[in-house]
Amino acid sequence: MPSDQDVHDSARRDAAHANEQIRALVDAGNLAGDEYEQLLAEWVAAHLHGDRPEAQGPQGPS
């Protein structure tokens, strides 16, 4: 069983990766700033509650 620190480190890496992906969508003009904040908050909330979205993080609008 992973330690609390391992879980915390993994969550930080996952959140950083999700943040990078969402920022790329914002930079590409596919996602407005407020949509970015909402999407990231929803993904982090789900991740912290154990409802892990895809390992790559949240996916932007189609």
PDB file of N, CA and C in Angstrom:
ATOM      1  N   MET A   1       0.854  -1.185   0.000  1.00  0.00           N
ATOM      2  CA  MET A   1       0.000   0.000   0.000  1.00  0.00           C
ATOM      3  C   MET A   1       0.897   1.244   0.000  1.00  0.00           C
ATOM      4  N   PRO A   2       0.604   2.188  -0.902  1.00  0.00           N
ATOM      5  CA  PRO A   2       1.449   3.379  -0.953  1.00  0.00           C
ATOM      6  C   PRO A   2       1.273   4.243   0.298  1.00  0.00           C
ATOM      7  N   SER A   3       2.339   4.925   0.645  1.00  0.00           N
ATOM      8  CA  SER A   3       2.275   5.813   1.798  1.00  0.00           C
ATOM      9  C   SER A   3       1.453   7.052   1.442  1.00  0.00           C
ATOM     10  N   ASP A   4       1.054   7.788   2.471  1.00  0.00           N
ATOM     11  CA  ASP A   4       0.313   9.024   2.241  1.00  0.00           C
ATOM     12  C   ASP A   4       1.131   9.987   1.382  1.00  0.00           C
ATOM     13  N   GLN A   5       2.426  10.037   1.619  1.00  0.00           N
ATOM     14  CA  GLN A   5       3.291  10.930   0.848  1.00  0.00           C
ATOM     15  C   GLN A   5       3.330  10.507  -0.624  1.00  0.00           C
ATOM     16  N   ASP A   6       3.385   9.195  -0.872  1.00  0.00           N
ATOM     17  CA  ASP A   6       3.377   8.702  -2.255  1.00  0.00           C
ATOM     18  C   ASP A   6       2.083   9.093  -2.964  1.00  0.00           C
ATOM     19  N   VAL A   7       0.965   8.937  -2.272  1.00  0.00           N
ATOM     20  CA  VAL A   7      -0.334   9.298  -2.844  1.00  0.00           C
ATOM     21  C   VAL A   7      -0.378  10.800  -3.123  1.00  0.00           C
ATOM     22  N   HIS A   8       0.109  11.578  -2.177  1.00  0.00           N
ATOM     23  CA  HIS A   8       0.131  13.035  -2.332  1.00  0.00           C
ATOM     24  C   HIS A   8       1.012  13.431  -3.520  1.00  0.00           C
ATOM     25  N   ASP A   9       2.184  12.839  -3.624  1.00  0.00           N
ATOM     26  CA  ASP A   9       3.095  13.150  -4.729  1.00  0.00           C
ATOM     27  C   ASP A   9       2.477  12.784  -6.067  1.00  0.00           C
ATOM     28  N   SER A  10       1.827  11.627  -6.108  1.00  0.00           N
ATOM     29  CA  SER A  10       1.174  11.188  -7.346  1.00  0.00           C
ATOM     30  C   SER A  10       0.054  12.149  -7.736  1.00  0.00           C
ATOM     31  N   ALA A  11      -0.731  12.573  -6.771  1.00  0.00           N
ATOM     32  CA  ALA A  11      -1.825  13.506  -7.040  1.00  0.00           C
ATOM     33  C   ALA A  11      -1.286  14.837  -7.552  1.00  0.00           C
ATOM     34  N   ARG A  12      -0.179  15.283  -6.980  1.00  0.00           N
ATOM     35  CA  ARG A  12       0.428  16.542  -7.435  1.00  0.00           C
ATOM     36  C   ARG A  12       0.903  16.426  -8.877  1.00  0.00           C
ATOM     37  N   ARG A  13       1.527  15.299  -9.209  1.00  0.00           N
ATOM     38  CA  ARG A  13       1.992  15.087 -10.581  1.00  0.00           C
ATOM     39  C   ARG A  13       0.806  15.038 -11.542  1.00  0.00           C
ATOM     40  N   ASP A  14      -0.245  14.321 -11.156  1.00  0.00           N
ATOM     41  CA  ASP A  14      -1.432  14.212 -12.003  1.00  0.00           C
ATOM     42  C   ASP A  14      -2.077  15.586 -12.210  1.00  0.00           C
ATOM     43  N   ALA A  15      -2.183  16.355 -11.144  1.00  0.00           N
ATOM     44  CA  ALA A  15      -2.788  17.685 -11.251  1.00  0.00           C
ATOM     45  C   ALA A  15      -1.929  18.606 -12.117  1.00  0.00           C
ATOM     46  N   ALA A  16      -0.615  18.518 -11.970  1.00  0.00           N
ATOM     47  CA  ALA A  16       0.275  19.344 -12.789  1.00  0.00           C
ATOM     48  C   ALA A  16       0.122  18.979 -14.259  1.00  0.00           C
ATOM     49  N   HIS A  17       0.010  17.692 -14.534  1.00  0.00           N
ATOM     50  CA  HIS A  17      -0.158  17.246 -15.917  1.00  0.00           C
ATOM     51  C   HIS A  17      -1.501  17.739 -16.475  1.00  0.00           C
ATOM     52  N   ALA A  18      -2.546  17.627 -15.686  1.00  0.00           N
ATOM     53  CA  ALA A  18      -3.869  18.103 -16.113  1.00  0.00           C
ATOM     54  C   ALA A  18      -3.821  19.608 -16.369  1.00  0.00           C
ATOM     55  N   ASN A  19      -3.146  20.316 -15.493  1.00  0.00           N
ATOM     56  CA  ASN A  19      -3.022  21.763 -15.642  1.00  0.00           C
ATOM     57  C   ASN A  19      -2.323  22.106 -16.955  1.00  0.00           C
ATOM     58  N   GLU A  20      -1.274  21.381 -17.289  1.00  0.00           N
ATOM     59  CA  GLU A  20      -0.558  21.619 -18.545  1.00  0.00           C
ATOM     60  C   GLU A  20      -1.475  21.384 -19.743  1.00  0.00           C
ATOM     61  N   GLN A  21      -2.251  20.301 -19.690  1.00  0.00           N
ATOM     62  CA  GLN A  21      -3.155  19.996 -20.805  1.00  0.00           C
ATOM     63  C   GLN A  21      -4.228  21.071 -20.964  1.00  0.00           C
ATOM     64  N   ILE A  22      -4.791  21.513 -19.859  1.00  0.00           N
ATOM     65  CA  ILE A  22      -5.844  22.520 -19.922  1.00  0.00           C
ATOM     66  C   ILE A  22      -5.262  23.851 -20.386  1.00  0.00           C
ATOM     67  N   ARG A  23      -4.074  24.188 -19.900  1.00  0.00           N
ATOM     68  CA  ARG A  23      -3.420  25.423 -20.339  1.00  0.00           C
ATOM     69  C   ARG A  23      -3.182  25.398 -21.844  1.00  0.00           C
ATOM     70  N   ALA A  24      -2.823  24.243 -22.386  1.00  0.00           N
ATOM     71  CA  ALA A  24      -2.609  24.119 -23.833  1.00  0.00           C
ATOM     72  C   ALA A  24      -3.897  24.433 -24.588  1.00  0.00           C
ATOM     73  N   LEU A  25      -5.034  23.969 -24.057  1.00  0.00           N
ATOM     74  CA  LEU A  25      -6.324  24.285 -24.684  1.00  0.00           C
ATOM     75  C   LEU A  25      -6.607  25.780 -24.612  1.00  0.00           C
ATOM     76  N   VAL A  26      -6.319  26.382 -23.476  1.00  0.00           N
ATOM     77  CA  VAL A  26      -6.529  27.822 -23.320  1.00  0.00           C
ATOM     78  C   VAL A  26      -5.643  28.575 -24.310  1.00  0.00           C
ATOM     79  N   ASP A  27      -4.373  28.190 -24.357  1.00  0.00           N
ATOM     80  CA  ASP A  27      -3.436  28.862 -25.259  1.00  0.00           C
ATOM     81  C   ASP A  27      -3.832  28.710 -26.717  1.00  0.00           C
ATOM     82  N   ALA A  28      -4.430  27.579 -27.054  1.00  0.00           N
ATOM     83  CA  ALA A  28      -4.860  27.327 -28.426  1.00  0.00           C
ATOM     84  C   ALA A  28      -6.179  28.042 -28.741  1.00  0.00           C
ATOM     85  N   GLY A  29      -6.757  28.681 -27.743  1.00  0.00           N
ATOM     86  CA  GLY A  29      -8.002  29.407 -27.961  1.00  0.00           C
ATOM     87  C   GLY A  29      -9.232  28.522 -27.908  1.00  0.00           C
ATOM     88  N   ASN A  30      -9.070  27.284 -27.443  1.00  0.00           N
ATOM     89  CA  ASN A  30     -10.191  26.351 -27.402  1.00  0.00           C
ATOM     90  C   ASN A  30     -10.934  26.371 -26.074  1.00  0.00           C
ATOM     91  N   LEU A  31     -10.439  27.119 -25.116  1.00  0.00           N
ATOM     92  CA  LEU A  31     -11.040  27.116 -23.790  1.00  0.00           C
ATOM     93  C   LEU A  31     -10.818  28.489 -23.166  1.00  0.00           C
ATOM     94  N   ALA A  32     -11.875  29.138 -22.747  1.00  0.00           N
ATOM     95  CA  ALA A  32     -11.759  30.445 -22.106  1.00  0.00           C
ATOM     96  C   ALA A  32     -11.229  30.286 -20.690  1.00  0.00           C
ATOM     97  N   GLY A  33     -10.688  31.350 -20.133  1.00  0.00           N
ATOM     98  CA  GLY A  33     -10.087  31.305 -18.801  1.00  0.00           C
ATOM     99  C   GLY A  33     -11.020  30.795 -17.722  1.00  0.00           C
ATOM    100  N   ASP A  34     -12.287  31.254 -17.728  1.00  0.00           N
ATOM    101  CA  ASP A  34     -13.219  30.801 -16.705  1.00  0.00           C
ATOM    102  C   ASP A  34     -13.575  29.335 -16.892  1.00  0.00           C
ATOM    103  N   GLU A  35     -13.636  28.890 -18.144  1.00  0.00           N
ATOM    104  CA  GLU A  35     -13.887  27.470 -18.399  1.00  0.00           C
ATOM    105  C   GLU A  35     -12.712  26.640 -17.902  1.00  0.00           C
ATOM    106  N   TYR A  36     -11.501  27.156 -18.063  1.00  0.00           N
ATOM    107  CA  TYR A  36     -10.297  26.494 -17.578  1.00  0.00           C
ATOM    108  C   TYR A  36     -10.380  26.277 -16.068  1.00  0.00           C
ATOM    109  N   GLU A  37     -10.697  27.333 -15.354  1.00  0.00           N
ATOM    110  CA  GLU A  37     -10.780  27.248 -13.895  1.00  0.00           C
ATOM    111  C   GLU A  37     -11.822  26.233 -13.461  1.00  0.00           C
ATOM    112  N   GLN A  38     -12.976  26.236 -14.102  1.00  0.00           N
ATOM    113  CA  GLN A  38     -14.053  25.309 -13.750  1.00  0.00           C
ATOM    114  C   GLN A  38     -13.651  23.869 -14.050  1.00  0.00           C
ATOM    115  N   LEU A  39     -13.085  23.636 -15.227  1.00  0.00           N
ATOM    116  CA  LEU A  39     -12.687  22.290 -15.618  1.00  0.00           C
ATOM    117  C   LEU A  39     -11.616  21.741 -14.685  1.00  0.00           C
ATOM    118  N   LEU A  40     -10.629  22.556 -14.372  1.00  0.00           N
ATOM    119  CA  LEU A  40      -9.570  22.107 -13.473  1.00  0.00           C
ATOM    120  C   LEU A  40     -10.130  21.817 -12.082  1.00  0.00           C
ATOM    121  N   ALA A  41     -10.984  22.680 -11.568  1.00  0.00           N
ATOM    122  CA  ALA A  41     -11.566  22.473 -10.241  1.00  0.00           C
ATOM    123  C   ALA A  41     -12.395  21.190 -10.201  1.00  0.00           C
ATOM    124  N   GLU A  42     -13.183  20.945 -11.246  1.00  0.00           N
ATOM    125  CA  GLU A  42     -13.991  19.726 -11.290  1.00  0.00           C
ATOM    126  C   GLU A  42     -13.111  18.487 -11.342  1.00  0.00           C
ATOM    127  N   TRP A  43     -12.049  18.534 -12.145  1.00  0.00           N
ATOM    128  CA  TRP A  43     -11.171  17.378 -12.269  1.00  0.00           C
ATOM    129  C   TRP A  43     -10.451  17.096 -10.955  1.00  0.00           C
ATOM    130  N   VAL A  44      -9.943  18.134 -10.322  1.00  0.00           N
ATOM    131  CA  VAL A  44      -9.237  17.954  -9.054  1.00  0.00           C
ATOM    132  C   VAL A  44     -10.191  17.423  -7.995  1.00  0.00           C
ATOM    133  N   ALA A  45     -11.402  17.969  -7.927  1.00  0.00           N
ATOM    134  CA  ALA A  45     -12.378  17.505  -6.936  1.00  0.00           C
ATOM    135  C   ALA A  45     -12.690  16.028  -7.146  1.00  0.00           C
ATOM    136  N   ALA A  46     -12.904  15.621  -8.383  1.00  0.00           N
ATOM    137  CA  ALA A  46     -13.191  14.215  -8.674  1.00  0.00           C
ATOM    138  C   ALA A  46     -11.981  13.348  -8.341  1.00  0.00           C
ATOM    139  N   HIS A  47     -10.811  13.831  -8.676  1.00  0.00           N
ATOM    140  CA  HIS A  47      -9.577  13.080  -8.425  1.00  0.00           C
ATOM    141  C   HIS A  47      -9.379  12.864  -6.917  1.00  0.00           C
ATOM    142  N   LEU A  48      -9.596  13.891  -6.149  1.00  0.00           N
ATOM    143  CA  LEU A  48      -9.386  13.800  -4.704  1.00  0.00           C
ATOM    144  C   LEU A  48     -10.418  12.920  -4.029  1.00  0.00           C
ATOM    145  N   HIS A  49     -11.581  12.750  -4.661  1.00  0.00           N
ATOM    146  CA  HIS A  49     -12.618  11.899  -4.094  1.00  0.00           C
ATOM    147  C   HIS A  49     -12.545  10.472  -4.617  1.00  0.00           C
ATOM    148  N   GLY A  50     -11.499  10.166  -5.374  1.00  0.00           N
ATOM    149  CA  GLY A  50     -11.294   8.800  -5.830  1.00  0.00           C
ATOM    150  C   GLY A  50     -11.982   8.462  -7.135  1.00  0.00           C
ATOM    151  N   ASP A  51     -12.711   9.395  -7.721  1.00  0.00           N
ATOM    152  CA  ASP A  51     -13.356   9.164  -9.016  1.00  0.00           C
ATOM    153  C   ASP A  51     -12.378   9.617 -10.088  1.00  0.00           C
ATOM    154  N   ARG A  52     -11.339   8.833 -10.275  1.00  0.00           N
ATOM    155  CA  ARG A  52     -10.246   9.259 -11.144  1.00  0.00           C
ATOM    156  C   ARG A  52     -10.658   9.266 -12.606  1.00  0.00           C
ATOM    157  N   PRO A  53     -10.630  10.460 -13.228  1.00  0.00           N
ATOM    158  CA  PRO A  53     -10.832  10.512 -14.671  1.00  0.00           C
ATOM    159  C   PRO A  53      -9.654   9.830 -15.361  1.00  0.00           C
ATOM    160  N   GLU A  54      -9.625   9.875 -16.640  1.00  0.00           N
ATOM    161  CA  GLU A  54      -8.544   9.247 -17.379  1.00  0.00           C
ATOM    162  C   GLU A  54      -7.197   9.702 -16.821  1.00  0.00           C
ATOM    163  N   ALA A  55      -6.240   8.818 -16.877  1.00  0.00           N
ATOM    164  CA  ALA A  55      -4.922   9.102 -16.322  1.00  0.00           C
ATOM    165  C   ALA A  55      -4.303  10.351 -16.931  1.00  0.00           C
ATOM    166  N   GLN A  56      -4.670  10.681 -18.158  1.00  0.00           N
ATOM    167  CA  GLN A  56      -4.089  11.845 -18.804  1.00  0.00           C
ATOM    168  C   GLN A  56      -4.691  13.150 -18.296  1.00  0.00           C
ATOM    169  N   GLY A  57      -5.683  13.106 -17.463  1.00  0.00           N
ATOM    170  CA  GLY A  57      -6.308  14.314 -16.957  1.00  0.00           C
ATOM    171  C   GLY A  57      -7.578  14.628 -17.732  1.00  0.00           C
ATOM    172  N   PRO A  58      -8.122  15.786 -17.486  1.00  0.00           N
ATOM    173  CA  PRO A  58      -9.382  16.142 -18.127  1.00  0.00           C
ATOM    174  C   PRO A  58      -9.202  16.377 -19.608  1.00  0.00           C
ATOM    175  N   GLN A  59     -10.232  16.122 -20.337  1.00  0.00           N
ATOM    176  CA  GLN A  59     -10.229  16.371 -21.774  1.00  0.00           C
ATOM    177  C   GLN A  59     -11.058  17.611 -22.035  1.00  0.00           C
ATOM    178  N   GLY A  60     -10.604  18.423 -22.943  1.00  0.00           N
ATOM    179  CA  GLY A  60     -11.309  19.661 -23.269  1.00  0.00           C
ATOM    180  C   GLY A  60     -12.560  19.389 -24.079  1.00  0.00           C
ATOM    181  N   PRO A  61     -13.289  20.452 -24.376  1.00  0.00           N
ATOM    182  CA  PRO A  61     -14.498  20.308 -25.180  1.00  0.00           C
ATOM    183  C   PRO A  61     -14.169  19.756 -26.554  1.00  0.00           C
ATOM    184  N   SER A  62     -15.077  19.012 -27.119  1.00  0.00           N
ATOM    185  CA  SER A  62     -14.858  18.431 -28.452  1.00  0.00           C
ATOM    186  C   SER A  62     -15.132  19.446 -29.521  1.00  0.00           C
TER     187      SER A  62
END
